[in-house]
Amino acid sequence: MKIDGNELAILQNELDQQGKKQEAWKIKQEFLQQVREAGDHCPCPEACPHHGNCFECVTLHRGHRDHLPMCMWDMVNERLAALSHMTEGTLRAYEDRKAAEAAGNRAEDPE
């Protein structure tokens, strides 16, 4: 089952934004039912005890705030890529420049 960019979830969101709350609720329930029936839909390759249990996984990630669950990476990267285009896609060059500067500072540090 395709969860990311799911047509039912997109429709539900559009209906909700249009104020069609009851229709949106029905579509939401249909989408969630399909997710439950699909079984394991977790894209994470880690064999952790929380695999496939979104509630536990997301709660733990929110708790430690170190990084995002793998299932959210594509969505965040998609948005970051779009933001990067505001500077003509120069994010990679910026990161490379900052890494080189940091490496240069470490090389000059007499410790």
PDB file of N, CA and C in Angstrom:
ATOM      1  N   MET A   1       0.840  -1.193   0.000  1.00  0.00           N
ATOM      2  CA  MET A   1       0.000   0.000   0.000  1.00  0.00           C
ATOM      3  C   MET A   1       0.877   1.245   0.000  1.00  0.00           C
ATOM      4  N   LYS A   2       0.507   2.194  -0.802  1.00  0.00           N
ATOM      5  CA  LYS A   2       1.216   3.470  -0.877  1.00  0.00           C
ATOM      6  C   LYS A   2       0.618   4.415   0.161  1.00  0.00           C
ATOM      7  N   ILE A   3       1.428   4.799   1.145  1.00  0.00           N
ATOM      8  CA  ILE A   3       0.955   5.731   2.166  1.00  0.00           C
ATOM      9  C   ILE A   3       1.339   7.157   1.790  1.00  0.00           C
ATOM     10  N   ASP A   4       2.617   7.361   1.445  1.00  0.00           N
ATOM     11  CA  ASP A   4       3.080   8.705   1.091  1.00  0.00           C
ATOM     12  C   ASP A   4       2.417   9.161  -0.203  1.00  0.00           C
ATOM     13  N   GLY A   5       1.765  10.306  -0.148  1.00  0.00           N
ATOM     14  CA  GLY A   5       1.087  10.826  -1.330  1.00  0.00           C
ATOM     15  C   GLY A   5      -0.136  10.008  -1.713  1.00  0.00           C
ATOM     16  N   ASN A   6      -0.767   9.371  -0.742  1.00  0.00           N
ATOM     17  CA  ASN A   6      -1.937   8.532  -0.998  1.00  0.00           C
ATOM     18  C   ASN A   6      -3.100   9.389  -1.489  1.00  0.00           C
ATOM     19  N   GLU A   7      -3.759   8.924  -2.548  1.00  0.00           N
ATOM     20  CA  GLU A   7      -4.849   9.692  -3.160  1.00  0.00           C
ATOM     21  C   GLU A   7      -6.002   9.941  -2.192  1.00  0.00           C
ATOM     22  N   LEU A   8      -6.342   8.940  -1.376  1.00  0.00           N
ATOM     23  CA  LEU A   8      -7.420   9.136  -0.406  1.00  0.00           C
ATOM     24  C   LEU A   8      -7.043  10.170   0.646  1.00  0.00           C
ATOM     25  N   ALA A   9      -5.810  10.109   1.130  1.00  0.00           N
ATOM     26  CA  ALA A   9      -5.364  11.063   2.144  1.00  0.00           C
ATOM     27  C   ALA A   9      -5.337  12.480   1.573  1.00  0.00           C
ATOM     28  N   ILE A  10      -4.911  12.613   0.327  1.00  0.00           N
ATOM     29  CA  ILE A  10      -4.899  13.924  -0.325  1.00  0.00           C
ATOM     30  C   ILE A  10      -6.323  14.450  -0.483  1.00  0.00           C
ATOM     31  N   LEU A  11      -7.228  13.576  -0.916  1.00  0.00           N
ATOM     32  CA  LEU A  11      -8.632  13.967  -1.059  1.00  0.00           C
ATOM     33  C   LEU A  11      -9.213  14.379   0.292  1.00  0.00           C
ATOM     34  N   GLN A  12      -8.922  13.604   1.320  1.00  0.00           N
ATOM     35  CA  GLN A  12      -9.415  13.919   2.672  1.00  0.00           C
ATOM     36  C   GLN A  12      -8.939  15.305   3.096  1.00  0.00           C
ATOM     37  N   ASN A  13      -7.672  15.607   2.852  1.00  0.00           N
ATOM     38  CA  ASN A  13      -7.117  16.898   3.228  1.00  0.00           C
ATOM     39  C   ASN A  13      -7.791  18.035   2.457  1.00  0.00           C
ATOM     40  N   GLU A  14      -8.014  17.825   1.163  1.00  0.00           N
ATOM     41  CA  GLU A  14      -8.675  18.847   0.344  1.00  0.00           C
ATOM     42  C   GLU A  14     -10.098  19.096   0.822  1.00  0.00           C
ATOM     43  N   LEU A  15     -10.830  18.011   1.118  1.00  0.00           N
ATOM     44  CA  LEU A  15     -12.205  18.159   1.604  1.00  0.00           C
ATOM     45  C   LEU A  15     -12.229  18.892   2.942  1.00  0.00           C
ATOM     46  N   ASP A  16     -11.283  18.565   3.800  1.00  0.00           N
ATOM     47  CA  ASP A  16     -11.202  19.215   5.106  1.00  0.00           C
ATOM     48  C   ASP A  16     -10.945  20.710   4.943  1.00  0.00           C
ATOM     49  N   GLN A  17     -10.044  21.065   4.025  1.00  0.00           N
ATOM     50  CA  GLN A  17      -9.739  22.476   3.784  1.00  0.00           C
ATOM     51  C   GLN A  17     -10.920  23.222   3.173  1.00  0.00           C
ATOM     52  N   GLN A  18     -11.780  22.497   2.466  1.00  0.00           N
ATOM     53  CA  GLN A  18     -12.976  23.104   1.870  1.00  0.00           C
ATOM     54  C   GLN A  18     -14.124  23.194   2.873  1.00  0.00           C
ATOM     55  N   GLY A  19     -13.898  22.705   4.086  1.00  0.00           N
ATOM     56  CA  GLY A  19     -14.925  22.752   5.117  1.00  0.00           C
ATOM     57  C   GLY A  19     -15.912  21.605   5.062  1.00  0.00           C
ATOM     58  N   LYS A  20     -15.657  20.605   4.235  1.00  0.00           N
ATOM     59  CA  LYS A  20     -16.543  19.439   4.111  1.00  0.00           C
ATOM     60  C   LYS A  20     -16.102  18.386   5.129  1.00  0.00           C
ATOM     61  N   LYS A  21     -16.352  18.711   6.399  1.00  0.00           N
ATOM     62  CA  LYS A  21     -15.810  17.926   7.504  1.00  0.00           C
ATOM     63  C   LYS A  21     -16.333  16.492   7.563  1.00  0.00           C
ATOM     64  N   GLN A  22     -17.617  16.292   7.368  1.00  0.00           N
ATOM     65  CA  GLN A  22     -18.167  14.932   7.459  1.00  0.00           C
ATOM     66  C   GLN A  22     -17.642  14.042   6.333  1.00  0.00           C
ATOM     67  N   GLU A  23     -17.601  14.567   5.131  1.00  0.00           N
ATOM     68  CA  GLU A  23     -17.092  13.804   3.994  1.00  0.00           C
ATOM     69  C   GLU A  23     -15.601  13.502   4.183  1.00  0.00           C
ATOM     70  N   ALA A  24     -14.872  14.494   4.684  1.00  0.00           N
ATOM     71  CA  ALA A  24     -13.441  14.308   4.945  1.00  0.00           C
ATOM     72  C   ALA A  24     -13.223  13.227   5.999  1.00  0.00           C
ATOM     73  N   TRP A  25     -14.060  13.217   7.036  1.00  0.00           N
ATOM     74  CA  TRP A  25     -13.955  12.217   8.107  1.00  0.00           C
ATOM     75  C   TRP A  25     -14.154  10.804   7.554  1.00  0.00           C
ATOM     76  N   LYS A  26     -15.123  10.637   6.683  1.00  0.00           N
ATOM     77  CA  LYS A  26     -15.378   9.322   6.091  1.00  0.00           C
ATOM     78  C   LYS A  26     -14.196   8.856   5.241  1.00  0.00           C
ATOM     79  N   ILE A  27     -13.635   9.757   4.460  1.00  0.00           N
ATOM     80  CA  ILE A  27     -12.490   9.413   3.619  1.00  0.00           C
ATOM     81  C   ILE A  27     -11.283   9.078   4.498  1.00  0.00           C
ATOM     82  N   LYS A  28     -11.106   9.848   5.559  1.00  0.00           N
ATOM     83  CA  LYS A  28     -10.001   9.589   6.483  1.00  0.00           C
ATOM     84  C   LYS A  28     -10.115   8.194   7.079  1.00  0.00           C
ATOM     85  N   GLN A  29     -11.312   7.830   7.507  1.00  0.00           N
ATOM     86  CA  GLN A  29     -11.523   6.509   8.104  1.00  0.00           C
ATOM     87  C   GLN A  29     -11.279   5.396   7.082  1.00  0.00           C
ATOM     88  N   GLU A  30     -11.670   5.631   5.839  1.00  0.00           N
ATOM     89  CA  GLU A  30     -11.439   4.643   4.787  1.00  0.00           C
ATOM     90  C   GLU A  30      -9.930   4.455   4.557  1.00  0.00           C
ATOM     91  N   PHE A  31      -9.193   5.562   4.504  1.00  0.00           N
ATOM     92  CA  PHE A  31      -7.742   5.500   4.325  1.00  0.00           C
ATOM     93  C   PHE A  31      -7.096   4.739   5.481  1.00  0.00           C
ATOM     94  N   LEU A  32      -7.459   5.078   6.704  1.00  0.00           N
ATOM     95  CA  LEU A  32      -6.865   4.418   7.874  1.00  0.00           C
ATOM     96  C   LEU A  32      -7.209   2.931   7.915  1.00  0.00           C
ATOM     97  N   GLN A  33      -8.402   2.591   7.501  1.00  0.00           N
ATOM     98  CA  GLN A  33      -8.785   1.179   7.446  1.00  0.00           C
ATOM     99  C   GLN A  33      -7.912   0.428   6.441  1.00  0.00           C
ATOM    100  N   GLN A  34      -7.680   1.035   5.291  1.00  0.00           N
ATOM    101  CA  GLN A  34      -6.828   0.412   4.281  1.00  0.00           C
ATOM    102  C   GLN A  34      -5.400   0.230   4.801  1.00  0.00           C
ATOM    103  N   VAL A  35      -4.910   1.215   5.545  1.00  0.00           N
ATOM    104  CA  VAL A  35      -3.561   1.116   6.121  1.00  0.00           C
ATOM    105  C   VAL A  35      -3.509  -0.053   7.106  1.00  0.00           C
ATOM    106  N   ARG A  36      -4.511  -0.140   7.982  1.00  0.00           N
ATOM    107  CA  ARG A  36      -4.548  -1.243   8.958  1.00  0.00           C
ATOM    108  C   ARG A  36      -4.592  -2.598   8.268  1.00  0.00           C
ATOM    109  N   GLU A  37      -5.374  -2.712   7.223  1.00  0.00           N
ATOM    110  CA  GLU A  37      -5.524  -3.988   6.515  1.00  0.00           C
ATOM    111  C   GLU A  37      -4.291  -4.354   5.699  1.00  0.00           C
ATOM    112  N   ALA A  38      -3.479  -3.360   5.343  1.00  0.00           N
ATOM    113  CA  ALA A  38      -2.306  -3.614   4.506  1.00  0.00           C
ATOM    114  C   ALA A  38      -1.182  -4.304   5.268  1.00  0.00           C
ATOM    115  N   GLY A  39      -1.246  -4.292   6.580  1.00  0.00           N
ATOM    116  CA  GLY A  39      -0.189  -4.937   7.362  1.00  0.00           C
ATOM    117  C   GLY A  39       1.028  -4.047   7.497  1.00  0.00           C
ATOM    118  N   ASP A  40       2.210  -4.660   7.429  1.00  0.00           N
ATOM    119  CA  ASP A  40       3.460  -3.940   7.642  1.00  0.00           C
ATOM    120  C   ASP A  40       3.718  -2.978   6.489  1.00  0.00           C
ATOM    121  N   HIS A  41       3.775  -1.704   6.800  1.00  0.00           N
ATOM    122  CA  HIS A  41       3.993  -0.671   5.798  1.00  0.00           C
ATOM    123  C   HIS A  41       5.167   0.223   6.183  1.00  0.00           C
ATOM    124  N   CYS A  42       5.927  -0.220   7.173  1.00  0.00           N
ATOM    125  CA  CYS A  42       7.059   0.560   7.668  1.00  0.00           C
ATOM    126  C   CYS A  42       8.240   0.435   6.700  1.00  0.00           C
ATOM    127  N   PRO A  43       8.757   1.564   6.178  1.00  0.00           N
ATOM    128  CA  PRO A  43       9.861   1.503   5.223  1.00  0.00           C
ATOM    129  C   PRO A  43      11.242   1.368   5.877  1.00  0.00           C
ATOM    130  N   CYS A  44      11.298   1.430   7.192  1.00  0.00           N
ATOM    131  CA  CYS A  44      12.587   1.400   7.885  1.00  0.00           C
ATOM    132  C   CYS A  44      13.198   0.003   7.817  1.00  0.00           C
ATOM    133  N   PRO A  45      14.477  -0.087   7.416  1.00  0.00           N
ATOM    134  CA  PRO A  45      15.130  -1.390   7.320  1.00  0.00           C
ATOM    135  C   PRO A  45      15.622  -1.919   8.665  1.00  0.00           C
ATOM    136  N   GLU A  46      15.576  -1.079   9.705  1.00  0.00           N
ATOM    137  CA  GLU A  46      16.046  -1.501  11.024  1.00  0.00           C
ATOM    138  C   GLU A  46      15.092  -2.523  11.631  1.00  0.00           C
ATOM    139  N   ALA A  47      15.663  -3.519  12.264  1.00  0.00           N
ATOM    140  CA  ALA A  47      14.861  -4.544  12.935  1.00  0.00           C
ATOM    141  C   ALA A  47      14.701  -4.160  14.406  1.00  0.00           C
ATOM    142  N   CYS A  48      14.061  -3.038  14.655  1.00  0.00           N
ATOM    143  CA  CYS A  48      13.874  -2.574  16.031  1.00  0.00           C
ATOM    144  C   CYS A  48      12.542  -3.089  16.558  1.00  0.00           C
ATOM    145  N   PRO A  49      12.369  -3.069  17.861  1.00  0.00           N
ATOM    146  CA  PRO A  49      11.122  -3.578  18.436  1.00  0.00           C
ATOM    147  C   PRO A  49       9.902  -2.698  18.146  1.00  0.00           C
ATOM    148  N   HIS A  50      10.114  -1.545  17.548  1.00  0.00           N
ATOM    149  CA  HIS A  50       9.007  -0.617  17.263  1.00  0.00           C
ATOM    150  C   HIS A  50       8.638  -0.609  15.781  1.00  0.00           C
ATOM    151  N   HIS A  51       9.296  -1.461  14.975  1.00  0.00           N
ATOM    152  CA  HIS A  51       9.050  -1.524  13.535  1.00  0.00           C
ATOM    153  C   HIS A  51       7.563  -1.734  13.262  1.00  0.00           C
ATOM    154  N   GLY A  52       6.983  -0.839  12.490  1.00  0.00           N
ATOM    155  CA  GLY A  52       5.579  -0.957  12.115  1.00  0.00           C
ATOM    156  C   GLY A  52       4.607  -0.399  13.135  1.00  0.00           C
ATOM    157  N   ASN A  53       5.093   0.026  14.283  1.00  0.00           N
ATOM    158  CA  ASN A  53       4.231   0.605  15.310  1.00  0.00           C
ATOM    159  C   ASN A  53       4.475   2.113  15.307  1.00  0.00           C
ATOM    160  N   CYS A  54       3.734   2.808  14.464  1.00  0.00           N
ATOM    161  CA  CYS A  54       3.944   4.244  14.259  1.00  0.00           C
ATOM    162  C   CYS A  54       3.825   5.038  15.559  1.00  0.00           C
ATOM    163  N   PHE A  55       2.868   4.683  16.384  1.00  0.00           N
ATOM    164  CA  PHE A  55       2.678   5.421  17.637  1.00  0.00           C
ATOM    165  C   PHE A  55       3.947   5.394  18.469  1.00  0.00           C
ATOM    166  N   GLU A  56       4.495   4.199  18.701  1.00  0.00           N
ATOM    167  CA  GLU A  56       5.709   4.084  19.513  1.00  0.00           C
ATOM    168  C   GLU A  56       6.900   4.748  18.831  1.00  0.00           C
ATOM    169  N   CYS A  57       7.065   4.489  17.554  1.00  0.00           N
ATOM    170  CA  CYS A  57       8.213   5.018  16.809  1.00  0.00           C
ATOM    171  C   CYS A  57       8.225   6.546  16.818  1.00  0.00           C
ATOM    172  N   VAL A  58       7.123   7.148  16.430  1.00  0.00           N
ATOM    173  CA  VAL A  58       7.064   8.614  16.365  1.00  0.00           C
ATOM    174  C   VAL A  58       7.179   9.214  17.760  1.00  0.00           C
ATOM    175  N   THR A  59       6.556   8.595  18.748  1.00  0.00           N
ATOM    176  CA  THR A  59       6.655   9.097  20.123  1.00  0.00           C
ATOM    177  C   THR A  59       8.105   9.091  20.597  1.00  0.00           C
ATOM    178  N   LEU A  60       8.823   8.015  20.324  1.00  0.00           N
ATOM    179  CA  LEU A  60      10.228   7.946  20.728  1.00  0.00           C
ATOM    180  C   LEU A  60      11.077   8.983  20.000  1.00  0.00           C
ATOM    181  N   HIS A  61      10.852   9.151  18.712  1.00  0.00           N
ATOM    182  CA  HIS A  61      11.611  10.150  17.957  1.00  0.00           C
ATOM    183  C   HIS A  61      11.298  11.558  18.453  1.00  0.00           C
ATOM    184  N   ARG A  62      10.054  11.818  18.772  1.00  0.00           N
ATOM    185  CA  ARG A  62       9.707  13.128  19.324  1.00  0.00           C
ATOM    186  C   ARG A  62      10.374  13.315  20.673  1.00  0.00           C
ATOM    187  N   GLY A  63      10.445  12.239  21.444  1.00  0.00           N
ATOM    188  CA  GLY A  63      11.046  12.310  22.775  1.00  0.00           C
ATOM    189  C   GLY A  63      12.520  12.638  22.735  1.00  0.00           C
ATOM    190  N   HIS A  64      13.282  11.944  21.902  1.00  0.00           N
ATOM    191  CA  HIS A  64      14.727  12.196  21.904  1.00  0.00           C
ATOM    192  C   HIS A  64      15.133  13.343  20.986  1.00  0.00           C
ATOM    193  N   ARG A  65      14.293  13.685  20.033  1.00  0.00           N
ATOM    194  CA  ARG A  65      14.494  14.842  19.155  1.00  0.00           C
ATOM    195  C   ARG A  65      15.862  14.863  18.477  1.00  0.00           C
ATOM    196  N   ASP A  66      16.407  13.689  18.205  1.00  0.00           N
ATOM    197  CA  ASP A  66      17.715  13.602  17.576  1.00  0.00           C
ATOM    198  C   ASP A  66      17.605  13.575  16.055  1.00  0.00           C
ATOM    199  N   HIS A  67      16.635  12.853  15.539  1.00  0.00           N
ATOM    200  CA  HIS A  67      16.419  12.751  14.106  1.00  0.00           C
ATOM    201  C   HIS A  67      14.983  12.290  13.862  1.00  0.00           C
ATOM    202  N   LEU A  68      14.584  12.314  12.598  1.00  0.00           N
ATOM    203  CA  LEU A  68      13.214  11.933  12.245  1.00  0.00           C
ATOM    204  C   LEU A  68      13.129  10.457  11.896  1.00  0.00           C
ATOM    205  N   PRO A  69      11.944   9.868  12.087  1.00  0.00           N
ATOM    206  CA  PRO A  69      11.749   8.490  11.623  1.00  0.00           C
ATOM    207  C   PRO A  69      11.953   8.430  10.109  1.00  0.00           C
ATOM    208  N   MET A  70      12.467   7.316   9.632  1.00  0.00           N
ATOM    209  CA  MET A  70      12.776   7.160   8.213  1.00  0.00           C
ATOM    210  C   MET A  70      11.559   7.422   7.323  1.00  0.00           C
ATOM    211  N   CYS A  71      10.375   7.100   7.803  1.00  0.00           N
ATOM    212  CA  CYS A  71       9.169   7.268   6.991  1.00  0.00           C
ATOM    213  C   CYS A  71       8.885   8.738   6.672  1.00  0.00           C
ATOM    214  N   MET A  72       9.529   9.662   7.380  1.00  0.00           N
ATOM    215  CA  MET A  72       9.295  11.084   7.136  1.00  0.00           C
ATOM    216  C   MET A  72      10.399  11.740   6.315  1.00  0.00           C
ATOM    217  N   TRP A  73      11.470  11.005   6.039  1.00  0.00           N
ATOM    218  CA  TRP A  73      12.608  11.597   5.337  1.00  0.00           C
ATOM    219  C   TRP A  73      12.242  12.139   3.969  1.00  0.00           C
ATOM    220  N   ASP A  74      11.528  11.374   3.164  1.00  0.00           N
ATOM    221  CA  ASP A  74      11.187  11.831   1.813  1.00  0.00           C
ATOM    222  C   ASP A  74      10.382  13.121   1.846  1.00  0.00           C
ATOM    223  N   MET A  75       9.402  13.194   2.757  1.00  0.00           N
ATOM    224  CA  MET A  75       8.565  14.381   2.836  1.00  0.00           C
ATOM    225  C   MET A  75       9.404  15.605   3.212  1.00  0.00           C
ATOM    226  N   VAL A  76      10.278  15.461   4.202  1.00  0.00           N
ATOM    227  CA  VAL A  76      11.109  16.581   4.636  1.00  0.00           C
ATOM    228  C   VAL A  76      12.117  16.952   3.547  1.00  0.00           C
ATOM    229  N   ASN A  77      12.759  15.948   2.950  1.00  0.00           N
ATOM    230  CA  ASN A  77      13.729  16.234   1.882  1.00  0.00           C
ATOM    231  C   ASN A  77      13.069  16.908   0.690  1.00  0.00           C
ATOM    232  N   GLU A  78      11.841  16.523   0.388  1.00  0.00           N
ATOM    233  CA  GLU A  78      11.094  17.151  -0.709  1.00  0.00           C
ATOM    234  C   GLU A  78      10.910  18.636  -0.438  1.00  0.00           C
ATOM    235  N   ARG A  79      10.569  18.971   0.786  1.00  0.00           N
ATOM    236  CA  ARG A  79      10.349  20.370   1.136  1.00  0.00           C
ATOM    237  C   ARG A  79      11.665  21.147   1.218  1.00  0.00           C
ATOM    238  N   LEU A  80      12.708  20.498   1.749  1.00  0.00           N
ATOM    239  CA  LEU A  80      14.013  21.153   1.817  1.00  0.00           C
ATOM    240  C   LEU A  80      14.563  21.421   0.419  1.00  0.00           C
ATOM    241  N   ALA A  81      14.351  20.475  -0.480  1.00  0.00           N
ATOM    242  CA  ALA A  81      14.806  20.675  -1.860  1.00  0.00           C
ATOM    243  C   ALA A  81      14.096  21.872  -2.479  1.00  0.00           C
ATOM    244  N   ALA A  82      12.808  21.994  -2.226  1.00  0.00           N
ATOM    245  CA  ALA A  82      12.054  23.135  -2.759  1.00  0.00           C
ATOM    246  C   ALA A  82      12.574  24.442  -2.173  1.00  0.00           C
ATOM    247  N   LEU A  83      12.869  24.461  -0.879  1.00  0.00           N
ATOM    248  CA  LEU A  83      13.426  25.664  -0.263  1.00  0.00           C
ATOM    249  C   LEU A  83      14.808  25.983  -0.825  1.00  0.00           C
ATOM    250  N   SER A  84      15.588  24.943  -1.089  1.00  0.00           N
ATOM    251  CA  SER A  84      16.931  25.138  -1.634  1.00  0.00           C
ATOM    252  C   SER A  84      16.879  25.833  -2.996  1.00  0.00           C
ATOM    253  N   HIS A  85      15.811  25.636  -3.725  1.00  0.00           N
ATOM    254  CA  HIS A  85      15.687  26.280  -5.033  1.00  0.00           C
ATOM    255  C   HIS A  85      15.532  27.797  -4.909  1.00  0.00           C
ATOM    256  N   MET A  86      15.173  28.263  -3.709  1.00  0.00           N
ATOM    257  CA  MET A  86      15.083  29.709  -3.497  1.00  0.00           C
ATOM    258  C   MET A  86      16.463  30.358  -3.609  1.00  0.00           C
ATOM    259  N   THR A  87      17.510  29.558  -3.403  1.00  0.00           N
ATOM    260  CA  THR A  87      18.879  30.068  -3.566  1.00  0.00           C
ATOM    261  C   THR A  87      19.552  29.352  -4.735  1.00  0.00           C
ATOM    262  N   GLU A  88      18.756  29.085  -5.750  1.00  0.00           N
ATOM    263  CA  GLU A  88      19.215  28.435  -6.972  1.00  0.00           C
ATOM    264  C   GLU A  88      19.874  27.088  -6.702  1.00  0.00           C
ATOM    265  N   GLY A  89      19.381  26.390  -5.688  1.00  0.00           N
ATOM    266  CA  GLY A  89      19.869  25.042  -5.414  1.00  0.00           C
ATOM    267  C   GLY A  89      21.298  25.001  -4.910  1.00  0.00           C
ATOM    268  N   THR A  90      21.722  26.026  -4.193  1.00  0.00           N
ATOM    269  CA  THR A  90      23.118  26.109  -3.765  1.00  0.00           C
ATOM    270  C   THR A  90      23.358  25.516  -2.376  1.00  0.00           C
ATOM    271  N   LEU A  91      22.410  24.813  -1.832  1.00  0.00           N
ATOM    272  CA  LEU A  91      22.559  24.258  -0.493  1.00  0.00           C
ATOM    273  C   LEU A  91      23.778  23.338  -0.411  1.00  0.00           C
ATOM    274  N   ARG A  92      23.972  22.482  -1.393  1.00  0.00           N
ATOM    275  CA  ARG A  92      25.110  21.550  -1.372  1.00  0.00           C
ATOM    276  C   ARG A  92      26.431  22.322  -1.382  1.00  0.00           C
ATOM    277  N   ALA A  93      26.531  23.364  -2.204  1.00  0.00           N
ATOM    278  CA  ALA A  93      27.750  24.172  -2.255  1.00  0.00           C
ATOM    279  C   ALA A  93      27.999  24.840  -0.908  1.00  0.00           C
ATOM    280  N   TYR A  94      26.940  25.318  -0.272  1.00  0.00           N
ATOM    281  CA  TYR A  94      27.044  25.942   1.050  1.00  0.00           C
ATOM    282  C   TYR A  94      27.562  24.934   2.071  1.00  0.00           C
ATOM    283  N   GLU A  95      26.986  23.735   2.075  1.00  0.00           N
ATOM    284  CA  GLU A  95      27.428  22.701   3.016  1.00  0.00           C
ATOM    285  C   GLU A  95      28.886  22.337   2.775  1.00  0.00           C
ATOM    286  N   ASP A  96      29.269  22.195   1.512  1.00  0.00           N
ATOM    287  CA  ASP A  96      30.659  21.864   1.183  1.00  0.00           C
ATOM    288  C   ASP A  96      31.609  22.970   1.646  1.00  0.00           C
ATOM    289  N   ARG A  97      31.223  24.232   1.435  1.00  0.00           N
ATOM    290  CA  ARG A  97      32.054  25.366   1.845  1.00  0.00           C
ATOM    291  C   ARG A  97      32.216  25.399   3.362  1.00  0.00           C
ATOM    292  N   LYS A  98      31.125  25.189   4.076  1.00  0.00           N
ATOM    293  CA  LYS A  98      31.174  25.193   5.545  1.00  0.00           C
ATOM    294  C   LYS A  98      32.027  24.041   6.067  1.00  0.00           C
ATOM    295  N   ALA A  99      31.939  22.873   5.431  1.00  0.00           N
ATOM    296  CA  ALA A  99      32.745  21.718   5.840  1.00  0.00           C
ATOM    297  C   ALA A  99      34.228  22.009   5.607  1.00  0.00           C
ATOM    298  N   ALA A 100      34.539  22.638   4.483  1.00  0.00           N
ATOM    299  CA  ALA A 100      35.925  22.981   4.183  1.00  0.00           C
ATOM    300  C   ALA A 100      36.453  24.015   5.175  1.00  0.00           C
ATOM    301  N   GLU A 101      35.629  24.987   5.512  1.00  0.00           N
ATOM    302  CA  GLU A 101      36.029  25.998   6.495  1.00  0.00           C
ATOM    303  C   GLU A 101      36.282  25.350   7.855  1.00  0.00           C
ATOM    304  N   ALA A 102      35.397  24.451   8.259  1.00  0.00           N
ATOM    305  CA  ALA A 102      35.564  23.770   9.544  1.00  0.00           C
ATOM    306  C   ALA A 102      36.825  22.916   9.538  1.00  0.00           C
ATOM    307  N   ALA A 103      37.084  22.246   8.433  1.00  0.00           N
ATOM    308  CA  ALA A 103      38.295  21.428   8.323  1.00  0.00           C
ATOM    309  C   ALA A 103      39.532  22.312   8.382  1.00  0.00           C
ATOM    310  N   GLY A 104      39.480  23.468   7.754  1.00  0.00           N
ATOM    311  CA  GLY A 104      40.591  24.415   7.789  1.00  0.00           C
ATOM    312  C   GLY A 104      40.829  24.940   9.187  1.00  0.00           C
ATOM    313  N   ASN A 105      39.762  25.220   9.907  1.00  0.00           N
ATOM    314  CA  ASN A 105      39.886  25.693  11.290  1.00  0.00           C
ATOM    315  C   ASN A 105      40.489  24.612  12.179  1.00  0.00           C
ATOM    316  N   ARG A 106      40.124  23.374  11.955  1.00  0.00           N
ATOM    317  CA  ARG A 106      40.688  22.270  12.755  1.00  0.00           C
ATOM    318  C   ARG A 106      42.167  22.080  12.443  1.00  0.00           C
ATOM    319  N   ALA A 107      42.539  22.280  11.177  1.00  0.00           N
ATOM    320  CA  ALA A 107      43.949  22.123  10.784  1.00  0.00           C
ATOM    321  C   ALA A 107      44.812  23.214  11.383  1.00  0.00           C
ATOM    322  N   GLU A 108      44.233  24.421  11.571  1.00  0.00           N
ATOM    323  CA  GLU A 108      44.978  25.539  12.140  1.00  0.00           C
ATOM    324  C   GLU A 108      45.025  25.488  13.658  1.00  0.00           C
ATOM    325  N   ASP A 109      44.146  24.725  14.287  1.00  0.00           N
ATOM    326  CA  ASP A 109      44.060  24.634  15.739  1.00  0.00           C
ATOM    327  C   ASP A 109      45.283  23.866  16.274  1.00  0.00           C
ATOM    328  N   PRO A 110      46.131  24.489  17.119  1.00  0.00           N
ATOM    329  CA  PRO A 110      47.360  23.838  17.566  1.00  0.00           C
ATOM    330  C   PRO A 110      47.162  22.768  18.637  1.00  0.00           C
ATOM    331  N   GLU A 111      45.976  22.458  19.038  1.00  0.00           N
ATOM    332  CA  GLU A 111      45.748  21.447  20.086  1.00  0.00           C
ATOM    333  C   GLU A 111      46.327  20.169  19.730  1.00  0.00           C
TER     334      GLU A 111
END
